[in-house]
Amino acid sequence: IVVLGVFIGIQVANWNDARAGHQLGEDYVVSLVADLEKDLSGQRALSGYYTQVIASIEATDRLLSGTDPNPKQLVAAAYRASEFANDPTTRATWDQIVSSGHLGLLPGKAIASELSDFYKYQDSNNETTSLLQSSPYRLVVRSLIPLPVQLAIRDGCSDVVDEANVISGFVDECRVDVDEALLEQTAQTLLTSARIHETLRHQYSMVAAVRNNTDGNIVLIERIIDKLRADGER
């Protein structure tokens, strides 16, 4: 009877541990989906934002190559072509799973592996994105455009920021309220700068790489969320 009681006690304890582990795994899935949905929203906003930055790069190149470009259009496009935004990955749940040694509680090895790849890639992607903050073009254009013009751009021709402080794009109506003579002088400075022409081409390749990474993130996040939800439904 004593041996049987010990055996039953061990089995009950094992069953309780398994049940607790299963519940914790389900809780992890819920938290992961919430984190990934937040990331997905941010990545979609970033993709749209950098699409507009690329459009500004193309507009700047076109205006620099043209004859007698509109000063306001050139200055605004040149500044917007240097813009930067980032949305760091929400990884609190993932870091907790890894640090606790709970990868085995996730639905399957395939999902755990894909999640691991996703978070690993983000370190590299964040490094690539952060390079835009000190890109050669950004440094040159913001050195050449006078401070009053930059302040006017920030005031009337800048980013759209939502209530969650997420940047989603540029304002539709671009206002640069400074003296016309200063705008013309700034535009002429940009037109005659060899460095602007050289670094603009490099800026395009950098921004295009960031947007491509962002679009890849969107596809990967959507796939992981679908797999996590499918497992939860089962």
C-alpha atoms as a PDB file:
ATOM      1  CA  ILE A   1       0.000   0.000   0.000  1.00  0.00           C
ATOM      2  CA  VAL A   2       2.846   2.388   0.882  1.00  0.00           C
ATOM      3  CA  VAL A   3       4.648   1.671  -2.409  1.00  0.00           C
ATOM      4  CA  LEU A   4       1.421   2.109  -4.360  1.00  0.00           C
ATOM      5  CA  GLY A   5       0.740   5.386  -2.592  1.00  0.00           C
ATOM      6  CA  VAL A   6       4.211   6.687  -3.428  1.00  0.00           C
ATOM      7  CA  PHE A   7       3.791   5.609  -7.066  1.00  0.00           C
ATOM      8  CA  ILE A   8       0.411   7.319  -7.375  1.00  0.00           C
ATOM      9  CA  GLY A   9       1.820  10.430  -5.712  1.00  0.00           C
ATOM     10  CA  ILE A  10       4.661  10.589  -8.202  1.00  0.00           C
ATOM     11  CA  GLN A  11       2.287  10.102 -11.124  1.00  0.00           C
ATOM     12  CA  VAL A  12      -0.017  12.848  -9.867  1.00  0.00           C
ATOM     13  CA  ALA A  13       2.957  15.190  -9.403  1.00  0.00           C
ATOM     14  CA  ASN A  14       4.190  14.413 -12.914  1.00  0.00           C
ATOM     15  CA  TRP A  15       0.713  14.975 -14.315  1.00  0.00           C
ATOM     16  CA  ASN A  16       0.442  18.319 -12.500  1.00  0.00           C
ATOM     17  CA  ASP A  17       3.867  19.362 -13.783  1.00  0.00           C
ATOM     18  CA  ALA A  18       2.916  18.410 -17.336  1.00  0.00           C
ATOM     19  CA  ARG A  19      -0.365  20.278 -17.047  1.00  0.00           C
ATOM     20  CA  ALA A  20       1.399  23.351 -15.652  1.00  0.00           C
ATOM     21  CA  GLY A  21       3.980  23.181 -18.426  1.00  0.00           C
ATOM     22  CA  HIS A  22       1.266  22.894 -21.056  1.00  0.00           C
ATOM     23  CA  GLN A  23      -0.552  25.897 -19.617  1.00  0.00           C
ATOM     24  CA  LEU A  24       2.651  27.919 -19.485  1.00  0.00           C
ATOM     25  CA  GLY A  25       3.317  27.017 -23.115  1.00  0.00           C
ATOM     26  CA  GLU A  26      -0.147  28.251 -24.080  1.00  0.00           C
ATOM     27  CA  ASP A  27       0.444  31.460 -22.146  1.00  0.00           C
ATOM     28  CA  TYR A  28       3.718  31.948 -23.990  1.00  0.00           C
ATOM     29  CA  VAL A  29       1.944  31.541 -27.331  1.00  0.00           C
ATOM     30  CA  VAL A  30      -0.639  34.193 -26.407  1.00  0.00           C
ATOM     31  CA  SER A  31       2.119  36.607 -25.354  1.00  0.00           C
ATOM     32  CA  LEU A  32       4.203  35.863 -28.447  1.00  0.00           C
ATOM     33  CA  VAL A  33       1.268  36.532 -30.756  1.00  0.00           C
ATOM     34  CA  ALA A  34       0.620  39.869 -28.993  1.00  0.00           C
ATOM     35  CA  ASP A  35       4.301  40.847 -29.345  1.00  0.00           C
ATOM     36  CA  LEU A  36       4.426  39.785 -32.991  1.00  0.00           C
ATOM     37  CA  GLU A  37       1.207  41.621 -33.853  1.00  0.00           C
ATOM     38  CA  LYS A  38       2.737  44.787 -32.406  1.00  0.00           C
ATOM     39  CA  ASP A  39       5.878  44.174 -34.441  1.00  0.00           C
ATOM     40  CA  LEU A  40       3.823  43.509 -37.567  1.00  0.00           C
ATOM     41  CA  SER A  41       2.018  46.836 -37.220  1.00  0.00           C
ATOM     42  CA  GLY A  42       5.316  48.630 -36.718  1.00  0.00           C
ATOM     43  CA  GLN A  43       6.993  46.917 -39.669  1.00  0.00           C
ATOM     44  CA  ARG A  44       4.099  47.764 -41.982  1.00  0.00           C
ATOM     45  CA  ALA A  45       4.335  51.410 -40.920  1.00  0.00           C
ATOM     46  CA  LEU A  46       8.103  51.361 -41.479  1.00  0.00           C
ATOM     47  CA  SER A  47       7.729  49.842 -44.940  1.00  0.00           C
ATOM     48  CA  GLY A  48       5.337  52.609 -45.924  1.00  0.00           C
ATOM     49  CA  TYR A  49       7.622  55.218 -44.400  1.00  0.00           C
ATOM     50  CA  TYR A  50      10.717  54.067 -46.246  1.00  0.00           C
ATOM     51  CA  THR A  51       8.731  53.814 -49.464  1.00  0.00           C
ATOM     52  CA  GLN A  52       8.145  57.558 -49.069  1.00  0.00           C
ATOM     53  CA  VAL A  53      11.816  58.154 -48.260  1.00  0.00           C
ATOM     54  CA  ILE A  54      12.773  56.337 -51.473  1.00  0.00           C
ATOM     55  CA  ALA A  55      10.266  58.462 -53.391  1.00  0.00           C
ATOM     56  CA  SER A  56      11.977  61.543 -51.935  1.00  0.00           C
ATOM     57  CA  ILE A  57      15.387  60.206 -53.004  1.00  0.00           C
ATOM     58  CA  GLU A  58      14.085  59.705 -56.539  1.00  0.00           C
ATOM     59  CA  ALA A  59      12.497  63.186 -56.536  1.00  0.00           C
ATOM     60  CA  THR A  60      15.766  64.717 -55.315  1.00  0.00           C
ATOM     61  CA  ASP A  61      17.735  62.979 -58.046  1.00  0.00           C
ATOM     62  CA  ARG A  62      15.248  64.154 -60.657  1.00  0.00           C
ATOM     63  CA  LEU A  63      15.294  67.760 -59.414  1.00  0.00           C
ATOM     64  CA  LEU A  64      19.087  67.851 -59.160  1.00  0.00           C
ATOM     65  CA  SER A  65      19.324  66.596 -62.740  1.00  0.00           C
ATOM     66  CA  GLY A  66      16.762  69.054 -64.085  1.00  0.00           C
ATOM     67  CA  THR A  67      17.023  72.675 -65.104  1.00  0.00           C
ATOM     68  CA  ASP A  68      15.835  75.438 -62.783  1.00  0.00           C
ATOM     69  CA  PRO A  69      14.140  73.177 -60.182  1.00  0.00           C
ATOM     70  CA  ASN A  70      11.596  74.580 -57.745  1.00  0.00           C
ATOM     71  CA  PRO A  71      13.667  75.593 -54.664  1.00  0.00           C
ATOM     72  CA  LYS A  72      11.091  74.490 -52.093  1.00  0.00           C
ATOM     73  CA  GLN A  73      10.524  71.128 -53.784  1.00  0.00           C
ATOM     74  CA  LEU A  74      14.259  70.453 -54.027  1.00  0.00           C
ATOM     75  CA  VAL A  75      15.070  71.433 -50.442  1.00  0.00           C
ATOM     76  CA  ALA A  76      12.113  69.523 -48.979  1.00  0.00           C
ATOM     77  CA  ALA A  77      12.782  66.396 -51.063  1.00  0.00           C
ATOM     78  CA  ALA A  78      16.509  66.485 -50.260  1.00  0.00           C
ATOM     79  CA  TYR A  79      15.785  66.715 -46.535  1.00  0.00           C
ATOM     80  CA  ARG A  80      13.112  64.030 -46.582  1.00  0.00           C
ATOM     81  CA  ALA A  81      15.507  61.738 -48.459  1.00  0.00           C
ATOM     82  CA  SER A  82      17.679  61.767 -45.332  1.00  0.00           C
ATOM     83  CA  GLU A  83      14.917  60.818 -42.881  1.00  0.00           C
ATOM     84  CA  PHE A  84      15.238  57.896 -40.503  1.00  0.00           C
ATOM     85  CA  ALA A  85      12.817  55.840 -38.412  1.00  0.00           C
ATOM     86  CA  ASN A  86      13.057  52.576 -36.520  1.00  0.00           C
ATOM     87  CA  ASP A  87      10.769  50.275 -34.562  1.00  0.00           C
ATOM     88  CA  PRO A  88      12.768  47.877 -32.344  1.00  0.00           C
ATOM     89  CA  THR A  89      11.473  44.337 -32.014  1.00  0.00           C
ATOM     90  CA  THR A  90       9.248  43.525 -29.028  1.00  0.00           C
ATOM     91  CA  ARG A  91      11.150  40.597 -27.580  1.00  0.00           C
ATOM     92  CA  ALA A  92      10.372  40.482 -23.845  1.00  0.00           C
ATOM     93  CA  THR A  93       8.408  37.221 -24.118  1.00  0.00           C
ATOM     94  CA  TRP A  94      11.004  35.560 -26.331  1.00  0.00           C
ATOM     95  CA  ASP A  95      13.869  36.568 -24.049  1.00  0.00           C
ATOM     96  CA  GLN A  96      11.968  35.183 -21.059  1.00  0.00           C
ATOM     97  CA  ILE A  97      11.382  31.860 -22.844  1.00  0.00           C
ATOM     98  CA  VAL A  98      15.044  31.537 -23.783  1.00  0.00           C
ATOM     99  CA  SER A  99      16.447  32.617 -20.411  1.00  0.00           C
ATOM    100  CA  SER A 100      14.082  30.221 -18.601  1.00  0.00           C
ATOM    101  CA  GLY A 101      14.989  27.287 -20.833  1.00  0.00           C
ATOM    102  CA  HIS A 102      11.359  26.879 -21.901  1.00  0.00           C
ATOM    103  CA  LEU A 103      11.772  26.467 -25.672  1.00  0.00           C
ATOM    104  CA  GLY A 104      10.413  22.942 -25.310  1.00  0.00           C
ATOM    105  CA  LEU A 105       7.063  24.341 -24.131  1.00  0.00           C
ATOM    106  CA  LEU A 106       6.398  25.968 -27.511  1.00  0.00           C
ATOM    107  CA  PRO A 107       4.083  24.147 -29.967  1.00  0.00           C
ATOM    108  CA  GLY A 108       6.798  22.497 -32.046  1.00  0.00           C
ATOM    109  CA  LYS A 109      10.462  22.517 -33.000  1.00  0.00           C
ATOM    110  CA  ALA A 110       9.692  24.140 -36.357  1.00  0.00           C
ATOM    111  CA  ILE A 111       7.987  27.147 -34.752  1.00  0.00           C
ATOM    112  CA  ALA A 112      10.715  27.466 -32.109  1.00  0.00           C
ATOM    113  CA  SER A 113      13.354  27.363 -34.845  1.00  0.00           C
ATOM    114  CA  GLU A 114      11.558  29.967 -36.972  1.00  0.00           C
ATOM    115  CA  LEU A 115      11.113  32.258 -33.981  1.00  0.00           C
ATOM    116  CA  SER A 116      14.783  31.851 -33.127  1.00  0.00           C
ATOM    117  CA  ASP A 117      15.764  32.774 -36.693  1.00  0.00           C
ATOM    118  CA  PHE A 118      13.451  35.795 -36.677  1.00  0.00           C
ATOM    119  CA  TYR A 119      14.847  37.293 -33.472  1.00  0.00           C
ATOM    120  CA  LYS A 120      18.412  36.495 -34.527  1.00  0.00           C
ATOM    121  CA  TYR A 121      17.925  38.294 -37.846  1.00  0.00           C
ATOM    122  CA  GLN A 122      16.611  41.381 -36.075  1.00  0.00           C
ATOM    123  CA  ASP A 123      19.991  42.088 -34.513  1.00  0.00           C
ATOM    124  CA  SER A 124      21.515  42.291 -37.991  1.00  0.00           C
ATOM    125  CA  ASN A 125      18.554  44.246 -39.398  1.00  0.00           C
ATOM    126  CA  ASN A 126      18.720  46.789 -36.573  1.00  0.00           C
ATOM    127  CA  GLU A 127      22.410  47.344 -37.286  1.00  0.00           C
ATOM    128  CA  THR A 128      21.643  47.971 -40.961  1.00  0.00           C
ATOM    129  CA  THR A 129      18.829  50.382 -40.113  1.00  0.00           C
ATOM    130  CA  SER A 130      20.898  52.260 -37.530  1.00  0.00           C
ATOM    131  CA  LEU A 131      23.519  53.021 -40.204  1.00  0.00           C
ATOM    132  CA  LEU A 132      21.000  55.395 -41.783  1.00  0.00           C
ATOM    133  CA  GLN A 133      21.302  57.696 -38.773  1.00  0.00           C
ATOM    134  CA  SER A 134      24.857  58.526 -39.756  1.00  0.00           C
ATOM    135  CA  SER A 135      24.782  57.850 -43.482  1.00  0.00           C
ATOM    136  CA  PRO A 136      27.113  60.034 -45.615  1.00  0.00           C
ATOM    137  CA  TYR A 137      24.149  61.638 -47.388  1.00  0.00           C
ATOM    138  CA  ARG A 138      22.325  62.469 -44.154  1.00  0.00           C
ATOM    139  CA  LEU A 139      25.451  64.104 -42.729  1.00  0.00           C
ATOM    140  CA  VAL A 140      26.098  66.112 -45.899  1.00  0.00           C
ATOM    141  CA  VAL A 141      22.557  67.331 -46.565  1.00  0.00           C
ATOM    142  CA  ARG A 142      21.951  68.321 -42.954  1.00  0.00           C
ATOM    143  CA  SER A 143      25.250  70.161 -42.894  1.00  0.00           C
ATOM    144  CA  LEU A 144      24.407  72.152 -46.012  1.00  0.00           C
ATOM    145  CA  ILE A 145      20.791  73.085 -45.232  1.00  0.00           C
ATOM    146  CA  PRO A 146      20.739  76.123 -42.884  1.00  0.00           C
ATOM    147  CA  LEU A 147      19.217  75.620 -39.448  1.00  0.00           C
ATOM    148  CA  PRO A 148      16.253  78.001 -40.015  1.00  0.00           C
ATOM    149  CA  VAL A 149      15.273  75.956 -43.067  1.00  0.00           C
ATOM    150  CA  GLN A 150      15.619  72.673 -41.177  1.00  0.00           C
ATOM    151  CA  LEU A 151      13.448  74.033 -38.349  1.00  0.00           C
ATOM    152  CA  ALA A 152      10.815  75.143 -40.867  1.00  0.00           C
ATOM    153  CA  ILE A 153      10.820  71.682 -42.453  1.00  0.00           C
ATOM    154  CA  ARG A 154      10.469  69.996 -39.056  1.00  0.00           C
ATOM    155  CA  ASP A 155       7.576  72.315 -38.278  1.00  0.00           C
ATOM    156  CA  GLY A 156       5.554  72.055 -41.486  1.00  0.00           C
ATOM    157  CA  CYS A 157       6.956  69.314 -43.704  1.00  0.00           C
ATOM    158  CA  SER A 158       7.864  66.494 -41.355  1.00  0.00           C
ATOM    159  CA  ASP A 159       6.626  63.149 -40.082  1.00  0.00           C
ATOM    160  CA  VAL A 160       3.134  61.956 -39.240  1.00  0.00           C
ATOM    161  CA  VAL A 161       3.215  60.507 -35.707  1.00  0.00           C
ATOM    162  CA  ASP A 162       0.219  58.654 -34.229  1.00  0.00           C
ATOM    163  CA  GLU A 163      -0.962  58.535 -30.617  1.00  0.00           C
ATOM    164  CA  ALA A 164       1.420  55.626 -29.930  1.00  0.00           C
ATOM    165  CA  ASN A 165       4.340  57.772 -31.154  1.00  0.00           C
ATOM    166  CA  VAL A 166       4.732  55.585 -34.259  1.00  0.00           C
ATOM    167  CA  ILE A 167       5.931  57.349 -37.416  1.00  0.00           C
ATOM    168  CA  SER A 168       3.779  56.349 -40.375  1.00  0.00           C
ATOM    169  CA  GLY A 169       4.857  58.740 -43.137  1.00  0.00           C
ATOM    170  CA  PHE A 170       5.196  62.360 -44.157  1.00  0.00           C
ATOM    171  CA  VAL A 171       2.562  65.071 -43.878  1.00  0.00           C
ATOM    172  CA  ASP A 172       0.547  65.481 -47.078  1.00  0.00           C
ATOM    173  CA  GLU A 173       0.852  69.263 -47.286  1.00  0.00           C
ATOM    174  CA  CYS A 174       4.503  70.299 -47.077  1.00  0.00           C
ATOM    175  CA  ARG A 175       5.036  73.839 -45.730  1.00  0.00           C
ATOM    176  CA  VAL A 176       8.477  75.459 -45.506  1.00  0.00           C
ATOM    177  CA  ASP A 177       7.802  78.890 -44.073  1.00  0.00           C
ATOM    178  CA  VAL A 178      11.087  80.733 -44.605  1.00  0.00           C
ATOM    179  CA  ASP A 179      12.224  83.615 -46.760  1.00  0.00           C
ATOM    180  CA  GLU A 180      12.194  82.765 -50.470  1.00  0.00           C
ATOM    181  CA  ALA A 181      15.707  84.120 -50.901  1.00  0.00           C
ATOM    182  CA  LEU A 182      17.006  81.709 -48.256  1.00  0.00           C
ATOM    183  CA  LEU A 183      15.217  78.807 -49.956  1.00  0.00           C
ATOM    184  CA  GLU A 184      16.730  79.729 -53.315  1.00  0.00           C
ATOM    185  CA  GLN A 185      20.181  80.045 -51.774  1.00  0.00           C
ATOM    186  CA  THR A 186      19.817  76.643 -50.090  1.00  0.00           C
ATOM    187  CA  ALA A 187      18.624  75.025 -53.312  1.00  0.00           C
ATOM    188  CA  GLN A 188      21.598  76.479 -55.166  1.00  0.00           C
ATOM    189  CA  THR A 189      23.969  75.108 -52.523  1.00  0.00           C
ATOM    190  CA  LEU A 190      22.495  71.641 -53.002  1.00  0.00           C
ATOM    191  CA  LEU A 191      22.669  71.913 -56.789  1.00  0.00           C
ATOM    192  CA  THR A 192      26.340  72.800 -56.790  1.00  0.00           C
ATOM    193  CA  SER A 193      27.434  70.234 -54.185  1.00  0.00           C
ATOM    194  CA  ALA A 194      29.233  67.273 -55.723  1.00  0.00           C
ATOM    195  CA  ARG A 195      28.912  65.396 -52.419  1.00  0.00           C
ATOM    196  CA  ILE A 196      25.112  65.573 -52.556  1.00  0.00           C
ATOM    197  CA  HIS A 197      25.064  63.931 -55.974  1.00  0.00           C
ATOM    198  CA  GLU A 198      27.539  61.225 -54.925  1.00  0.00           C
ATOM    199  CA  THR A 199      26.071  60.332 -51.548  1.00  0.00           C
ATOM    200  CA  LEU A 200      22.455  60.380 -52.794  1.00  0.00           C
ATOM    201  CA  ARG A 201      23.111  57.268 -54.868  1.00  0.00           C
ATOM    202  CA  HIS A 202      24.556  55.511 -51.826  1.00  0.00           C
ATOM    203  CA  GLN A 203      21.584  56.650 -49.748  1.00  0.00           C
ATOM    204  CA  TYR A 204      19.228  54.945 -52.163  1.00  0.00           C
ATOM    205  CA  SER A 205      21.001  51.596 -51.796  1.00  0.00           C
ATOM    206  CA  MET A 206      20.967  51.869 -47.998  1.00  0.00           C
ATOM    207  CA  VAL A 207      17.290  52.798 -47.734  1.00  0.00           C
ATOM    208  CA  ALA A 208      16.294  50.153 -50.290  1.00  0.00           C
ATOM    209  CA  ALA A 209      18.098  47.509 -48.209  1.00  0.00           C
ATOM    210  CA  VAL A 210      16.273  48.621 -45.060  1.00  0.00           C
ATOM    211  CA  ARG A 211      12.894  48.518 -46.797  1.00  0.00           C
ATOM    212  CA  ASN A 212      13.631  45.074 -48.246  1.00  0.00           C
ATOM    213  CA  ASN A 213      14.525  43.808 -44.767  1.00  0.00           C
ATOM    214  CA  THR A 214      11.311  45.317 -43.424  1.00  0.00           C
ATOM    215  CA  ASP A 215       9.188  43.706 -46.127  1.00  0.00           C
ATOM    216  CA  GLY A 216      10.873  40.370 -45.404  1.00  0.00           C
ATOM    217  CA  ASN A 217      10.042  40.799 -41.721  1.00  0.00           C
ATOM    218  CA  ILE A 218       6.384  41.364 -42.576  1.00  0.00           C
ATOM    219  CA  VAL A 219       6.162  38.079 -44.506  1.00  0.00           C
ATOM    220  CA  LEU A 220       7.989  36.152 -41.784  1.00  0.00           C
ATOM    221  CA  ILE A 221       5.947  37.609 -38.911  1.00  0.00           C
ATOM    222  CA  GLU A 222       2.668  36.878 -40.703  1.00  0.00           C
ATOM    223  CA  ARG A 223       3.723  33.263 -41.254  1.00  0.00           C
ATOM    224  CA  ILE A 224       4.785  32.752 -37.636  1.00  0.00           C
ATOM    225  CA  ILE A 225       1.560  34.289 -36.291  1.00  0.00           C
ATOM    226  CA  ASP A 226      -0.512  32.029 -38.543  1.00  0.00           C
ATOM    227  CA  LYS A 227       1.349  28.942 -37.270  1.00  0.00           C
ATOM    228  CA  LEU A 228       1.000  29.974 -33.612  1.00  0.00           C
ATOM    229  CA  ARG A 229      -2.717  30.643 -34.014  1.00  0.00           C
ATOM    230  CA  ALA A 230      -3.270  27.383 -35.866  1.00  0.00           C
ATOM    231  CA  ASP A 231      -1.658  25.490 -33.020  1.00  0.00           C
ATOM    232  CA  GLY A 232      -3.814  27.333 -30.493  1.00  0.00           C
ATOM    233  CA  GLU A 233      -6.966  26.409 -32.387  1.00  0.00           C
ATOM    234  CA  ARG A 234      -5.973  22.742 -32.264  1.00  0.00           C
END
